[in-house]
N, C-alpha and C. Protein backbone atom coordinates (compact mmCIF):
# COMPACT_ATOMS: atom_id res chain seq x y z
N MET A 1 92.56 103.94 96.17
CA MET A 1 92.95 103.73 97.69
C MET A 1 93.56 102.43 98.03
N ILE A 2 93.10 100.97 97.58
CA ILE A 2 93.35 99.79 97.65
C ILE A 2 94.13 99.27 96.41
N ASN A 3 95.44 99.15 96.60
CA ASN A 3 96.27 98.41 95.57
C ASN A 3 95.59 97.15 95.09
N ALA A 4 95.20 97.18 93.60
CA ALA A 4 94.76 95.98 93.18
C ALA A 4 96.13 94.89 93.05
N LYS A 5 97.04 95.43 92.73
CA LYS A 5 98.45 94.33 92.53
C LYS A 5 98.65 93.66 93.88
N LYS A 6 98.31 94.33 94.97
CA LYS A 6 98.84 93.77 96.39
C LYS A 6 97.47 92.72 96.76
N ILE A 7 96.30 93.21 96.25
CA ILE A 7 95.30 92.15 96.48
C ILE A 7 95.41 90.71 95.53
N GLU A 8 95.81 90.95 94.29
CA GLU A 8 96.17 89.97 93.60
C GLU A 8 97.39 88.99 93.89
N GLN A 9 98.42 89.83 94.49
CA GLN A 9 99.53 88.95 95.05
C GLN A 9 99.16 88.08 96.31
N LEU A 10 98.33 88.72 97.32
CA LEU A 10 97.84 87.92 98.36
C LEU A 10 97.08 86.76 98.07
N ALA A 11 96.34 86.96 96.98
CA ALA A 11 95.24 86.17 96.68
C ALA A 11 95.90 84.92 96.07
N GLU A 12 97.00 85.29 95.27
CA GLU A 12 97.89 84.36 94.84
C GLU A 12 98.81 83.41 95.77
N GLN A 13 99.04 84.25 96.71
CA GLN A 13 99.70 83.24 97.66
C GLN A 13 99.14 82.76 98.63
N ILE A 14 97.81 82.87 98.75
CA ILE A 14 96.84 82.18 99.46
C ILE A 14 96.12 80.93 98.90
N THR A 15 96.23 80.90 97.64
CA THR A 15 95.93 79.80 96.53
C THR A 15 96.92 78.85 96.37
N ASN A 16 98.13 79.59 96.29
CA ASN A 16 99.23 78.89 96.55
C ASN A 16 99.65 77.71 97.67
N VAL A 17 99.02 78.11 98.82
CA VAL A 17 99.16 77.34 100.24
C VAL A 17 97.72 76.42 100.03
N ILE A 18 97.02 76.19 99.11
CA ILE A 18 95.76 75.38 99.30
C ILE A 18 96.27 74.07 98.82
N PRO A 19 96.17 73.02 99.33
CA PRO A 19 96.33 71.54 98.51
C PRO A 19 95.72 71.51 97.16
N PRO A 20 96.14 70.73 96.55
CA PRO A 20 95.76 70.48 94.88
C PRO A 20 94.76 70.24 94.85
N SER A 21 94.16 69.09 95.87
CA SER A 21 92.86 68.59 95.90
C SER A 21 91.71 69.51 95.87
N VAL A 22 91.98 70.28 97.08
CA VAL A 22 91.16 71.37 97.20
C VAL A 22 90.74 72.27 96.07
N LYS A 23 92.07 72.59 95.25
CA LYS A 23 92.00 73.58 94.21
C LYS A 23 91.09 73.04 93.16
N ASN A 24 91.20 71.84 92.91
CA ASN A 24 90.38 70.91 91.82
C ASN A 24 89.06 71.18 92.07
N MET A 25 88.49 71.10 93.15
CA MET A 25 87.09 71.55 93.62
C MET A 25 86.57 72.85 92.93
N ALA A 26 87.09 73.68 92.95
CA ALA A 26 86.80 75.09 92.38
C ALA A 26 87.75 75.57 91.29
N ASP A 27 87.54 75.90 90.24
CA ASP A 27 88.23 76.15 89.22
C ASP A 27 88.70 77.58 89.29
N ASN A 28 87.88 78.62 89.90
CA ASN A 28 88.12 79.98 90.07
C ASN A 28 88.12 80.41 91.24
N ILE A 29 88.93 79.64 92.10
CA ILE A 29 89.18 79.93 93.68
C ILE A 29 89.84 81.17 93.99
N GLU A 30 90.97 81.49 93.04
CA GLU A 30 91.95 82.65 93.16
C GLU A 30 90.93 84.01 92.90
N ASP A 31 90.07 83.87 91.90
CA ASP A 31 89.28 84.85 91.75
C ASP A 31 87.86 85.06 92.69
N LYS A 32 87.69 84.12 93.76
CA LYS A 32 86.71 84.21 94.62
C LYS A 32 87.45 84.77 95.79
N VAL A 33 88.83 84.23 95.81
CA VAL A 33 89.62 84.86 97.11
C VAL A 33 89.71 86.27 96.98
N LYS A 34 90.20 86.79 95.47
CA LYS A 34 90.25 88.28 95.34
C LYS A 34 89.12 89.07 95.53
N ALA A 35 87.90 88.37 94.98
CA ALA A 35 86.73 89.22 95.10
C ALA A 35 86.26 89.54 96.89
N VAL A 36 86.73 88.35 98.01
CA VAL A 36 86.49 88.34 98.97
C VAL A 36 87.43 89.22 99.64
N LEU A 37 88.51 89.12 99.39
CA LEU A 37 89.78 90.29 99.95
C LEU A 37 89.27 91.53 99.50
N GLN A 38 88.93 91.93 98.32
CA GLN A 38 88.63 93.17 97.90
C GLN A 38 87.47 93.60 98.70
N ALA A 39 86.45 92.84 98.82
CA ALA A 39 85.28 93.29 99.68
C ALA A 39 85.50 93.63 101.01
N LYS A 40 86.35 92.95 101.86
CA LYS A 40 86.51 92.75 103.02
C LYS A 40 87.27 94.19 103.33
N LEU A 41 88.13 94.35 102.22
CA LEU A 41 89.32 95.53 102.67
C LEU A 41 88.72 96.73 102.11
N THR A 42 87.66 96.72 101.49
CA THR A 42 86.98 98.05 101.25
C THR A 42 86.10 98.28 102.30
N GLN A 43 85.63 97.48 103.14
CA GLN A 43 84.90 97.63 104.16
C GLN A 43 85.74 98.30 105.60
N LEU A 44 87.26 97.99 105.50
CA LEU A 44 87.92 98.68 106.55
C LEU A 44 88.10 100.19 106.23
N ASP A 45 88.41 101.03 107.29
CA ASP A 45 88.60 102.51 107.22
C ASP A 45 89.93 102.81 107.04
N VAL A 46 90.40 102.75 105.81
CA VAL A 46 91.80 102.77 105.58
C VAL A 46 92.09 103.79 104.68
N VAL A 47 93.39 104.68 104.65
CA VAL A 47 93.67 105.47 103.65
C VAL A 47 95.14 105.14 102.95
N SER A 48 94.95 105.95 101.73
CA SER A 48 96.41 105.52 101.24
C SER A 48 97.41 106.09 101.98
N ARG A 49 98.96 105.41 101.59
CA ARG A 49 100.03 106.13 102.02
C ARG A 49 100.16 107.44 101.84
N GLU A 50 99.79 107.52 100.42
CA GLU A 50 100.02 109.19 100.16
C GLU A 50 99.03 110.14 100.64
N GLU A 51 97.93 109.89 101.08
CA GLU A 51 96.93 110.51 101.77
C GLU A 51 97.32 110.83 103.39
N PHE A 52 97.92 109.87 103.78
CA PHE A 52 98.37 109.78 105.22
C PHE A 52 99.59 110.66 105.49
N ASP A 53 100.40 110.72 104.53
CA ASP A 53 101.64 111.36 104.44
C ASP A 53 101.20 112.91 104.02
N VAL A 54 100.27 113.22 103.45
CA VAL A 54 99.62 114.51 103.04
C VAL A 54 99.18 115.16 104.82
N GLN A 55 98.35 114.19 105.08
CA GLN A 55 97.60 114.59 106.53
C GLN A 55 98.46 114.80 107.57
N THR A 56 99.71 113.90 107.40
CA THR A 56 100.61 113.97 108.65
C THR A 56 101.54 115.28 108.39
N GLN A 57 101.60 115.93 106.97
CA GLN A 57 102.36 117.37 106.80
C GLN A 57 101.31 118.38 107.41
N VAL A 58 100.38 118.11 107.01
CA VAL A 58 98.92 119.17 107.52
C VAL A 58 98.92 119.34 109.19
N LEU A 59 99.05 118.09 109.60
CA LEU A 59 99.22 118.12 111.18
C LEU A 59 100.30 118.94 111.66
N ALA A 60 101.53 118.80 111.37
CA ALA A 60 102.70 119.21 111.52
C ALA A 60 102.75 120.81 111.31
N ARG A 61 102.15 121.29 110.23
CA ARG A 61 101.99 122.76 110.18
C ARG A 61 101.02 123.09 111.24
N THR A 62 100.01 122.48 111.09
CA THR A 62 98.95 123.04 112.12
C THR A 62 99.48 123.04 113.66
N ARG A 63 99.97 122.33 113.77
CA ARG A 63 100.82 121.98 115.26
C ARG A 63 101.74 123.03 115.44
N ALA A 64 102.78 123.59 114.55
CA ALA A 64 103.55 124.50 114.44
C ALA A 64 102.78 126.02 114.77
N LYS A 65 101.33 126.00 114.06
CA LYS A 65 100.99 127.39 114.03
C LYS A 65 100.41 127.40 115.70
N LEU A 66 99.83 126.61 116.35
CA LEU A 66 99.04 126.58 117.31
C LEU A 66 100.57 126.70 118.65
N ASP A 67 101.41 126.35 118.35
CA ASP A 67 102.59 126.66 119.16
C ASP A 67 103.00 127.88 119.16
N GLN A 68 102.80 128.51 118.25
CA GLN A 68 103.08 130.04 117.75
C GLN A 68 101.96 130.82 118.59
N LEU A 69 100.97 130.41 118.36
CA LEU A 69 99.70 131.10 118.77
C LEU A 69 99.86 131.16 120.75
N GLU A 70 100.00 129.59 121.07
CA GLU A 70 100.15 129.73 122.44
C GLU A 70 101.03 130.46 122.94
N GLN A 71 102.23 130.64 122.42
CA GLN A 71 103.17 131.75 122.45
C GLN A 71 103.09 133.11 122.66
N VAL A 72 102.02 133.49 121.79
CA VAL A 72 101.81 134.69 121.51
C VAL A 72 100.55 134.94 122.89
N VAL A 73 99.87 134.38 123.22
CA VAL A 73 98.76 134.27 124.11
C VAL A 73 99.63 134.19 125.54
N GLU A 74 100.55 133.70 125.72
CA GLU A 74 101.49 133.64 126.90
C GLU A 74 102.28 134.93 127.15
N GLU A 75 102.57 135.70 126.07
CA GLU A 75 103.11 136.86 125.95
C GLU A 75 102.05 137.80 126.46
N LEU A 76 100.83 137.83 125.68
CA LEU A 76 100.16 138.68 126.10
C LEU A 76 99.46 138.70 127.62
N LYS A 77 99.55 137.48 128.22
CA LYS A 77 98.95 137.24 129.41
C LYS A 77 100.25 137.90 130.47
N ASN A 78 101.20 137.87 129.96
CA ASN A 78 102.31 138.52 130.96
C ASN A 78 102.38 139.87 130.86
N LYS A 79 101.63 140.52 129.88
CA LYS A 79 101.90 141.96 129.78
C LYS A 79 100.81 142.61 130.69
């Protein structure tokens, strides 16, 4: 669901803006940032792009069927 490569890139970008004196205090700050990012991102209620696209298609098909049914109901009312 969550792209590990993106998290790694984000963690790397964060560690790149940290001053060198701060970096020296923690040898594995990048790993810690990755872990915190991973933990927080997994708490979010998100879906993958692929799942989103599939659900969008399902919704479009459902909407089309609903429109057809509404039309049939309207025709039956008019009879």
